[in-house]
Amino acid sequence: MTATEPATAGTAQTETGTEVETASGAGTAPGTATGSAPGAPAGPVRPVEALLLVDLQSAFVAGGEAVPDAARVLDRSRALLARARAAGALVVHLQNDGAPGTVDEPQTPGWRLHLPVASGPRETVVRKTGDDGFDGTPLGALLADAGVEALTLCGVLSEMCVSATARTALARDFRVVLPHDAHATYDVPAAPGIGESVPAALAARAAEWALGDDVEIVARAAEVTFTAARPGSGTGSRAGSRTER
């Protein structure tokens, strides 16, 4: 994933930014659904066995070219990562290898993962060259070997790598949980004769809605709970209908 039209430096937030959305329910106890989305059903979110952190690379979440909601996404991603590790869930850091000259070209500062990777059999890095984290990578085999049936995603960009990876996971019969406050993208620039610019938050919302009826959209990353996968238990248990909380 390489963003060719990033937000301006004046709108970006960095890891040290203080504008974290305190009203978004980050302090809500995990698994507690509050029904903040229109038409949201009550009830806890069923646990998942894997966390995919999508392209949380310095080019996209730190510095002047970070996505506008970088501070929030990093905050939520750190919390998800801590809970996944504590539960013994599988953790996969997806890392995009951009083309030469792009902000995420391998071995450049922007290409590096922004969150530390813990060594061990339950946490790994999967490098990719396209939007879909499954395409040409060992991700599918990793999930299958770990016995993962349900997973959650966080990261960037909402309409590109997050969406593409979520779509393939759904197509492979994984149950997919997508926390609304744990993914982000850039503003969509205005296009003459087509339309005005679209704020990043609206673009991210449209991207998650476009995933269709099988994805489980939850309002807050704090609602997502984890459990350890059981190797050999099989892969995939698709949700039967759209669920929003």
C-alpha atoms as a PDB file:
ATOM      1  CA  MET A   1       0.000   0.000   0.000  1.00  0.00           C
ATOM      2  CA  THR A   2       1.367   3.350  -1.004  1.00  0.00           C
ATOM      3  CA  ALA A   3      -0.654   6.485  -0.505  1.00  0.00           C
ATOM      4  CA  THR A   4       0.013   8.904  -3.333  1.00  0.00           C
ATOM      5  CA  GLU A   5      -2.183  11.710  -2.055  1.00  0.00           C
ATOM      6  CA  PRO A   6      -1.655  11.943   1.721  1.00  0.00           C
ATOM      7  CA  ALA A   7      -3.333  14.438   3.969  1.00  0.00           C
ATOM      8  CA  THR A   8      -1.552  17.703   4.513  1.00  0.00           C
ATOM      9  CA  ALA A   9       0.904  18.060   7.367  1.00  0.00           C
ATOM     10  CA  GLY A  10      -1.455  20.420   9.150  1.00  0.00           C
ATOM     11  CA  THR A  11      -4.089  17.739   9.597  1.00  0.00           C
ATOM     12  CA  ALA A  12      -1.899  14.839  10.658  1.00  0.00           C
ATOM     13  CA  GLN A  13      -1.575  13.514  14.174  1.00  0.00           C
ATOM     14  CA  THR A  14       1.484  11.717  15.433  1.00  0.00           C
ATOM     15  CA  GLU A  15       2.035   9.033  18.002  1.00  0.00           C
ATOM     16  CA  THR A  16       2.633  11.664  20.656  1.00  0.00           C
ATOM     17  CA  GLY A  17      -0.515  13.632  19.812  1.00  0.00           C
ATOM     18  CA  THR A  18      -2.960  14.237  22.617  1.00  0.00           C
ATOM     19  CA  GLU A  19      -6.169  14.319  20.604  1.00  0.00           C
ATOM     20  CA  VAL A  20      -7.196  10.765  21.393  1.00  0.00           C
ATOM     21  CA  GLU A  21     -10.968  10.344  21.284  1.00  0.00           C
ATOM     22  CA  THR A  22     -11.847   9.982  24.928  1.00  0.00           C
ATOM     23  CA  ALA A  23     -15.554   9.876  24.109  1.00  0.00           C
ATOM     24  CA  SER A  24     -15.186   6.792  21.928  1.00  0.00           C
ATOM     25  CA  GLY A  25     -15.352   4.361  24.800  1.00  0.00           C
ATOM     26  CA  ALA A  26     -11.680   3.363  25.032  1.00  0.00           C
ATOM     27  CA  GLY A  27     -12.174   2.746  28.727  1.00  0.00           C
ATOM     28  CA  THR A  28     -15.154   0.451  28.256  1.00  0.00           C
ATOM     29  CA  ALA A  29     -14.637  -3.016  29.639  1.00  0.00           C
ATOM     30  CA  PRO A  30     -13.758  -5.495  26.895  1.00  0.00           C
ATOM     31  CA  GLY A  31     -16.781  -7.357  25.583  1.00  0.00           C
ATOM     32  CA  THR A  32     -19.273  -4.736  26.764  1.00  0.00           C
ATOM     33  CA  ALA A  33     -21.492  -3.624  23.913  1.00  0.00           C
ATOM     34  CA  THR A  34     -23.100  -0.237  24.325  1.00  0.00           C
ATOM     35  CA  GLY A  35     -25.095  -0.020  21.101  1.00  0.00           C
ATOM     36  CA  SER A  36     -23.721   3.350  19.992  1.00  0.00           C
ATOM     37  CA  ALA A  37     -24.112   2.628  16.276  1.00  0.00           C
ATOM     38  CA  PRO A  38     -27.581   3.129  14.747  1.00  0.00           C
ATOM     39  CA  GLY A  39     -29.598  -0.059  15.043  1.00  0.00           C
ATOM     40  CA  ALA A  40     -26.863  -1.799  17.014  1.00  0.00           C
ATOM     41  CA  PRO A  41     -27.907  -4.988  18.812  1.00  0.00           C
ATOM     42  CA  ALA A  42     -27.024  -5.517  22.430  1.00  0.00           C
ATOM     43  CA  GLY A  43     -24.711  -8.277  23.595  1.00  0.00           C
ATOM     44  CA  PRO A  44     -21.010  -9.007  23.871  1.00  0.00           C
ATOM     45  CA  VAL A  45     -18.670  -9.592  20.953  1.00  0.00           C
ATOM     46  CA  ARG A  46     -17.631 -13.239  20.691  1.00  0.00           C
ATOM     47  CA  PRO A  47     -13.879 -13.728  21.202  1.00  0.00           C
ATOM     48  CA  VAL A  48     -11.486 -14.027  18.265  1.00  0.00           C
ATOM     49  CA  GLU A  49      -8.285 -16.061  18.016  1.00  0.00           C
ATOM     50  CA  ALA A  50      -6.130 -13.729  15.923  1.00  0.00           C
ATOM     51  CA  LEU A  51      -5.204 -10.071  15.507  1.00  0.00           C
ATOM     52  CA  LEU A  52      -4.005  -8.685  12.176  1.00  0.00           C
ATOM     53  CA  LEU A  53      -2.248  -5.312  12.433  1.00  0.00           C
ATOM     54  CA  VAL A  54      -2.355  -3.897   8.921  1.00  0.00           C
ATOM     55  CA  ASP A  55       0.495  -1.684   7.679  1.00  0.00           C
ATOM     56  CA  LEU A  56       1.151   0.187  10.917  1.00  0.00           C
ATOM     57  CA  GLN A  57       4.305   1.569   9.332  1.00  0.00           C
ATOM     58  CA  SER A  58       5.913   4.885  10.184  1.00  0.00           C
ATOM     59  CA  ALA A  59       5.109   6.430   6.793  1.00  0.00           C
ATOM     60  CA  PHE A  60       1.385   6.166   7.521  1.00  0.00           C
ATOM     61  CA  VAL A  61       1.093   6.672  11.285  1.00  0.00           C
ATOM     62  CA  ALA A  62       3.881   9.099  12.242  1.00  0.00           C
ATOM     63  CA  GLY A  63       5.170  12.424  11.016  1.00  0.00           C
ATOM     64  CA  GLY A  64       3.722  14.990   8.657  1.00  0.00           C
ATOM     65  CA  GLU A  65       2.216  12.497   6.215  1.00  0.00           C
ATOM     66  CA  ALA A  66       0.414  10.334   8.758  1.00  0.00           C
ATOM     67  CA  VAL A  67      -3.297   9.653   8.399  1.00  0.00           C
ATOM     68  CA  PRO A  68      -5.359  12.279  10.249  1.00  0.00           C
ATOM     69  CA  ASP A  69      -6.469   9.803  12.940  1.00  0.00           C
ATOM     70  CA  ALA A  70      -3.066   8.195  13.469  1.00  0.00           C
ATOM     71  CA  ALA A  71      -2.959   8.858  17.218  1.00  0.00           C
ATOM     72  CA  ARG A  72      -6.313   7.185  17.766  1.00  0.00           C
ATOM     73  CA  VAL A  73      -5.494   4.168  15.603  1.00  0.00           C
ATOM     74  CA  LEU A  74      -2.170   3.652  17.369  1.00  0.00           C
ATOM     75  CA  ASP A  75      -3.813   3.930  20.779  1.00  0.00           C
ATOM     76  CA  ARG A  76      -6.492   1.372  19.918  1.00  0.00           C
ATOM     77  CA  SER A  77      -4.006  -0.919  18.170  1.00  0.00           C
ATOM     78  CA  ARG A  78      -1.700  -0.966  21.199  1.00  0.00           C
ATOM     79  CA  ALA A  79      -4.625  -1.934  23.409  1.00  0.00           C
ATOM     80  CA  LEU A  80      -5.716  -4.699  21.041  1.00  0.00           C
ATOM     81  CA  LEU A  81      -2.143  -5.962  20.810  1.00  0.00           C
ATOM     82  CA  ALA A  82      -1.748  -6.102  24.586  1.00  0.00           C
ATOM     83  CA  ARG A  83      -4.986  -8.053  25.031  1.00  0.00           C
ATOM     84  CA  ALA A  84      -4.203 -10.449  22.174  1.00  0.00           C
ATOM     85  CA  ARG A  85      -0.785 -11.234  23.618  1.00  0.00           C
ATOM     86  CA  ALA A  86      -2.195 -11.727  27.107  1.00  0.00           C
ATOM     87  CA  ALA A  87      -4.809 -14.167  25.791  1.00  0.00           C
ATOM     88  CA  GLY A  88      -2.343 -16.194  23.742  1.00  0.00           C
ATOM     89  CA  ALA A  89      -4.014 -15.273  20.452  1.00  0.00           C
ATOM     90  CA  LEU A  90      -2.102 -15.304  17.179  1.00  0.00           C
ATOM     91  CA  VAL A  91      -0.686 -11.859  16.287  1.00  0.00           C
ATOM     92  CA  VAL A  92       0.311 -11.017  12.715  1.00  0.00           C
ATOM     93  CA  HIS A  93       1.925  -7.715  11.740  1.00  0.00           C
ATOM     94  CA  LEU A  94       1.340  -7.091   8.029  1.00  0.00           C
ATOM     95  CA  GLN A  95       4.112  -4.984   6.490  1.00  0.00           C
ATOM     96  CA  ASN A  96       3.863  -3.577   2.978  1.00  0.00           C
ATOM     97  CA  ASP A  97       6.878  -3.555   0.675  1.00  0.00           C
ATOM     98  CA  GLY A  98       6.347  -0.476  -1.479  1.00  0.00           C
ATOM     99  CA  ALA A  99       7.861   0.098  -4.892  1.00  0.00           C
ATOM    100  CA  PRO A 100      11.229   1.883  -5.211  1.00  0.00           C
ATOM    101  CA  GLY A 101      10.876   5.571  -4.428  1.00  0.00           C
ATOM    102  CA  THR A 102       7.661   5.240  -2.415  1.00  0.00           C
ATOM    103  CA  VAL A 103       7.259   6.122   1.259  1.00  0.00           C
ATOM    104  CA  ASP A 104       7.132   2.443   2.251  1.00  0.00           C
ATOM    105  CA  GLU A 105      10.033   1.227   0.149  1.00  0.00           C
ATOM    106  CA  PRO A 106      11.747  -1.610   2.077  1.00  0.00           C
ATOM    107  CA  GLN A 107      14.525  -0.628   4.486  1.00  0.00           C
ATOM    108  CA  THR A 108      13.540   3.058   4.455  1.00  0.00           C
ATOM    109  CA  PRO A 109      12.402   4.800   7.676  1.00  0.00           C
ATOM    110  CA  GLY A 110       8.788   4.945   6.501  1.00  0.00           C
ATOM    111  CA  TRP A 111       8.694   1.204   5.839  1.00  0.00           C
ATOM    112  CA  ARG A 112       9.492   0.218   9.413  1.00  0.00           C
ATOM    113  CA  LEU A 113       6.765  -1.074  11.699  1.00  0.00           C
ATOM    114  CA  HIS A 114       5.788   1.537  14.276  1.00  0.00           C
ATOM    115  CA  LEU A 115       4.807  -0.897  17.030  1.00  0.00           C
ATOM    116  CA  PRO A 116       7.363  -3.368  18.420  1.00  0.00           C
ATOM    117  CA  VAL A 117       7.079  -7.030  17.502  1.00  0.00           C
ATOM    118  CA  ALA A 118       7.436  -9.559  20.329  1.00  0.00           C
ATOM    119  CA  SER A 119       9.473 -12.627  19.560  1.00  0.00           C
ATOM    120  CA  GLY A 120       7.756 -15.959  19.987  1.00  0.00           C
ATOM    121  CA  PRO A 121       5.656 -18.596  18.213  1.00  0.00           C
ATOM    122  CA  ARG A 122       2.397 -16.619  18.556  1.00  0.00           C
ATOM    123  CA  GLU A 123       3.571 -13.392  16.915  1.00  0.00           C
ATOM    124  CA  THR A 124       5.060 -12.862  13.485  1.00  0.00           C
ATOM    125  CA  VAL A 125       5.560 -10.404  10.615  1.00  0.00           C
ATOM    126  CA  VAL A 126       4.163 -11.097   7.160  1.00  0.00           C
ATOM    127  CA  ARG A 127       5.474  -8.943   4.332  1.00  0.00           C
ATOM    128  CA  LYS A 128       3.360  -8.254   1.276  1.00  0.00           C
ATOM    129  CA  THR A 129       3.544  -6.297  -1.972  1.00  0.00           C
ATOM    130  CA  GLY A 130      -0.140  -5.563  -2.548  1.00  0.00           C
ATOM    131  CA  ASP A 131      -3.268  -4.529  -0.694  1.00  0.00           C
ATOM    132  CA  ASP A 132      -4.436  -8.046   0.164  1.00  0.00           C
ATOM    133  CA  GLY A 133      -2.490  -9.534   3.057  1.00  0.00           C
ATOM    134  CA  PHE A 134      -3.275 -13.051   1.792  1.00  0.00           C
ATOM    135  CA  ASP A 135      -2.074 -12.552  -1.781  1.00  0.00           C
ATOM    136  CA  GLY A 136       1.265 -14.292  -2.306  1.00  0.00           C
ATOM    137  CA  THR A 137       1.982 -14.531   1.424  1.00  0.00           C
ATOM    138  CA  PRO A 138       1.908 -17.289   4.074  1.00  0.00           C
ATOM    139  CA  LEU A 139      -0.898 -15.558   6.004  1.00  0.00           C
ATOM    140  CA  GLY A 140      -3.548 -18.128   5.108  1.00  0.00           C
ATOM    141  CA  ALA A 141      -1.327 -21.013   6.134  1.00  0.00           C
ATOM    142  CA  LEU A 142      -0.389 -19.301   9.395  1.00  0.00           C
ATOM    143  CA  LEU A 143      -4.027 -18.850  10.344  1.00  0.00           C
ATOM    144  CA  ALA A 144      -4.909 -22.404   9.333  1.00  0.00           C
ATOM    145  CA  ASP A 145      -2.004 -23.947  11.222  1.00  0.00           C
ATOM    146  CA  ALA A 146      -2.972 -22.009  14.342  1.00  0.00           C
ATOM    147  CA  GLY A 147      -6.577 -23.201  14.146  1.00  0.00           C
ATOM    148  CA  VAL A 148      -7.930 -19.662  13.764  1.00  0.00           C
ATOM    149  CA  GLU A 149     -11.626 -19.348  12.964  1.00  0.00           C
ATOM    150  CA  ALA A 150     -12.195 -15.703  13.891  1.00  0.00           C
ATOM    151  CA  LEU A 151      -9.964 -12.657  13.603  1.00  0.00           C
ATOM    152  CA  THR A 152      -9.959  -8.910  14.040  1.00  0.00           C
ATOM    153  CA  LEU A 153      -8.151  -6.256  12.008  1.00  0.00           C
ATOM    154  CA  CYS A 154      -6.786  -2.824  12.766  1.00  0.00           C
ATOM    155  CA  GLY A 155      -4.566  -0.394  10.881  1.00  0.00           C
ATOM    156  CA  VAL A 156      -4.442   1.475   7.574  1.00  0.00           C
ATOM    157  CA  LEU A 157      -5.639   2.263   4.985  1.00  0.00           C
ATOM    158  CA  SER A 158      -9.341   1.557   5.465  1.00  0.00           C
ATOM    159  CA  GLU A 159     -10.359   1.309   1.822  1.00  0.00           C
ATOM    160  CA  MET A 160      -7.152  -0.334   0.635  1.00  0.00           C
ATOM    161  CA  CYS A 161      -5.189  -2.899   2.651  1.00  0.00           C
ATOM    162  CA  VAL A 162      -7.637  -3.212   5.558  1.00  0.00           C
ATOM    163  CA  SER A 163     -10.566  -3.732   3.208  1.00  0.00           C
ATOM    164  CA  ALA A 164      -8.760  -6.067   0.795  1.00  0.00           C
ATOM    165  CA  THR A 165      -7.468  -8.280   3.605  1.00  0.00           C
ATOM    166  CA  ALA A 166     -10.861  -8.376   5.309  1.00  0.00           C
ATOM    167  CA  ARG A 167     -12.586  -9.358   2.050  1.00  0.00           C
ATOM    168  CA  THR A 168     -10.290 -12.303   1.469  1.00  0.00           C
ATOM    169  CA  ALA A 169     -10.633 -13.412   5.088  1.00  0.00           C
ATOM    170  CA  LEU A 170     -14.411 -13.416   4.665  1.00  0.00           C
ATOM    171  CA  ALA A 171     -14.130 -15.289   1.364  1.00  0.00           C
ATOM    172  CA  ARG A 172     -12.061 -17.938   3.155  1.00  0.00           C
ATOM    173  CA  ASP A 173     -14.823 -18.372   5.734  1.00  0.00           C
ATOM    174  CA  PHE A 174     -13.134 -16.628   8.637  1.00  0.00           C
ATOM    175  CA  ARG A 175     -15.321 -14.691  11.006  1.00  0.00           C
ATOM    176  CA  VAL A 176     -14.077 -11.092  10.772  1.00  0.00           C
ATOM    177  CA  VAL A 177     -14.504  -8.402  13.435  1.00  0.00           C
ATOM    178  CA  LEU A 178     -13.649  -4.828  12.445  1.00  0.00           C
ATOM    179  CA  PRO A 179     -13.506  -2.177  15.198  1.00  0.00           C
ATOM    180  CA  HIS A 180     -14.631   1.163  13.798  1.00  0.00           C
ATOM    181  CA  ASP A 181     -12.176   3.183  15.891  1.00  0.00           C
ATOM    182  CA  ALA A 182      -9.100   1.092  15.041  1.00  0.00           C
ATOM    183  CA  HIS A 183      -8.664   1.778  11.319  1.00  0.00           C
ATOM    184  CA  ALA A 184      -8.201   4.962   9.308  1.00  0.00           C
ATOM    185  CA  THR A 185      -7.344   6.501   5.967  1.00  0.00           C
ATOM    186  CA  TYR A 186      -6.593   9.848   4.303  1.00  0.00           C
ATOM    187  CA  ASP A 187      -8.990  12.517   3.100  1.00  0.00           C
ATOM    188  CA  VAL A 188     -10.199  11.829  -0.423  1.00  0.00           C
ATOM    189  CA  PRO A 189      -9.192  14.867  -2.503  1.00  0.00           C
ATOM    190  CA  ALA A 190     -11.693  16.774  -4.595  1.00  0.00           C
ATOM    191  CA  ALA A 191     -11.898  15.807  -8.261  1.00  0.00           C
ATOM    192  CA  PRO A 192     -12.983  18.434 -10.817  1.00  0.00           C
ATOM    193  CA  GLY A 193     -16.246  17.460 -12.423  1.00  0.00           C
ATOM    194  CA  ILE A 194     -16.729  14.575  -9.987  1.00  0.00           C
ATOM    195  CA  GLY A 195     -17.112  15.916  -6.476  1.00  0.00           C
ATOM    196  CA  GLU A 196     -15.770  17.723  -3.453  1.00  0.00           C
ATOM    197  CA  SER A 197     -13.220  16.280  -1.055  1.00  0.00           C
ATOM    198  CA  VAL A 198     -14.373  13.572   1.359  1.00  0.00           C
ATOM    199  CA  PRO A 199     -13.158  13.692   4.979  1.00  0.00           C
ATOM    200  CA  ALA A 200     -11.075  10.713   6.044  1.00  0.00           C
ATOM    201  CA  ALA A 201     -13.575   9.653   8.702  1.00  0.00           C
ATOM    202  CA  LEU A 202     -16.361   9.360   6.128  1.00  0.00           C
ATOM    203  CA  ALA A 203     -14.107   7.498   3.711  1.00  0.00           C
ATOM    204  CA  ALA A 204     -13.222   5.008   6.457  1.00  0.00           C
ATOM    205  CA  ARG A 205     -16.879   4.507   7.343  1.00  0.00           C
ATOM    206  CA  ALA A 206     -17.821   3.916   3.704  1.00  0.00           C
ATOM    207  CA  ALA A 207     -15.011   1.383   3.360  1.00  0.00           C
ATOM    208  CA  GLU A 208     -16.195  -0.708   6.289  1.00  0.00           C
ATOM    209  CA  TRP A 209     -19.836  -0.565   5.166  1.00  0.00           C
ATOM    210  CA  ALA A 210     -18.839  -1.710   1.675  1.00  0.00           C
ATOM    211  CA  LEU A 211     -17.519  -4.975   3.123  1.00  0.00           C
ATOM    212  CA  GLY A 212     -21.079  -6.282   3.159  1.00  0.00           C
ATOM    213  CA  ASP A 213     -23.224  -8.343   5.448  1.00  0.00           C
ATOM    214  CA  ASP A 214     -20.739 -10.872   6.751  1.00  0.00           C
ATOM    215  CA  VAL A 215     -18.306  -8.570   8.545  1.00  0.00           C
ATOM    216  CA  GLU A 216     -18.958  -7.745  12.214  1.00  0.00           C
ATOM    217  CA  ILE A 217     -18.502  -4.010  12.696  1.00  0.00           C
ATOM    218  CA  VAL A 218     -18.086  -2.950  16.321  1.00  0.00           C
ATOM    219  CA  ALA A 219     -17.956   0.635  17.519  1.00  0.00           C
ATOM    220  CA  ARG A 220     -14.936   0.299  19.792  1.00  0.00           C
ATOM    221  CA  ALA A 221     -11.788  -1.765  19.837  1.00  0.00           C
ATOM    222  CA  ALA A 222     -12.355  -2.094  23.587  1.00  0.00           C
ATOM    223  CA  GLU A 223     -15.276  -4.433  22.807  1.00  0.00           C
ATOM    224  CA  VAL A 224     -13.026  -7.003  21.129  1.00  0.00           C
ATOM    225  CA  THR A 225     -11.905  -9.929  23.253  1.00  0.00           C
ATOM    226  CA  PHE A 226      -9.375 -12.645  22.443  1.00  0.00           C
ATOM    227  CA  THR A 227      -8.850 -16.293  23.152  1.00  0.00           C
ATOM    228  CA  ALA A 228      -6.081 -18.725  22.316  1.00  0.00           C
ATOM    229  CA  ALA A 229      -6.482 -20.625  19.066  1.00  0.00           C
ATOM    230  CA  ARG A 230      -6.456 -24.406  19.083  1.00  0.00           C
ATOM    231  CA  PRO A 231      -4.187 -25.805  16.365  1.00  0.00           C
ATOM    232  CA  GLY A 232      -5.954 -28.371  14.228  1.00  0.00           C
ATOM    233  CA  SER A 233      -9.443 -27.113  15.105  1.00  0.00           C
ATOM    234  CA  GLY A 234     -10.172 -25.970  11.546  1.00  0.00           C
ATOM    235  CA  THR A 235     -10.561 -22.596   9.879  1.00  0.00           C
ATOM    236  CA  GLY A 236     -13.519 -20.404   9.290  1.00  0.00           C
ATOM    237  CA  SER A 237     -16.974 -19.862  10.681  1.00  0.00           C
ATOM    238  CA  ARG A 238     -18.658 -17.144   8.719  1.00  0.00           C
ATOM    239  CA  ALA A 239     -21.031 -14.764  10.428  1.00  0.00           C
ATOM    240  CA  GLY A 240     -24.450 -15.067   8.881  1.00  0.00           C
ATOM    241  CA  SER A 241     -25.419 -11.407   8.801  1.00  0.00           C
ATOM    242  CA  ARG A 242     -24.069  -7.908   9.255  1.00  0.00           C
ATOM    243  CA  THR A 243     -23.590  -7.068  12.907  1.00  0.00           C
ATOM    244  CA  GLU A 244     -22.915  -3.573  14.184  1.00  0.00           C
ATOM    245  CA  ARG A 245     -22.491  -2.504  17.771  1.00  0.00           C
END
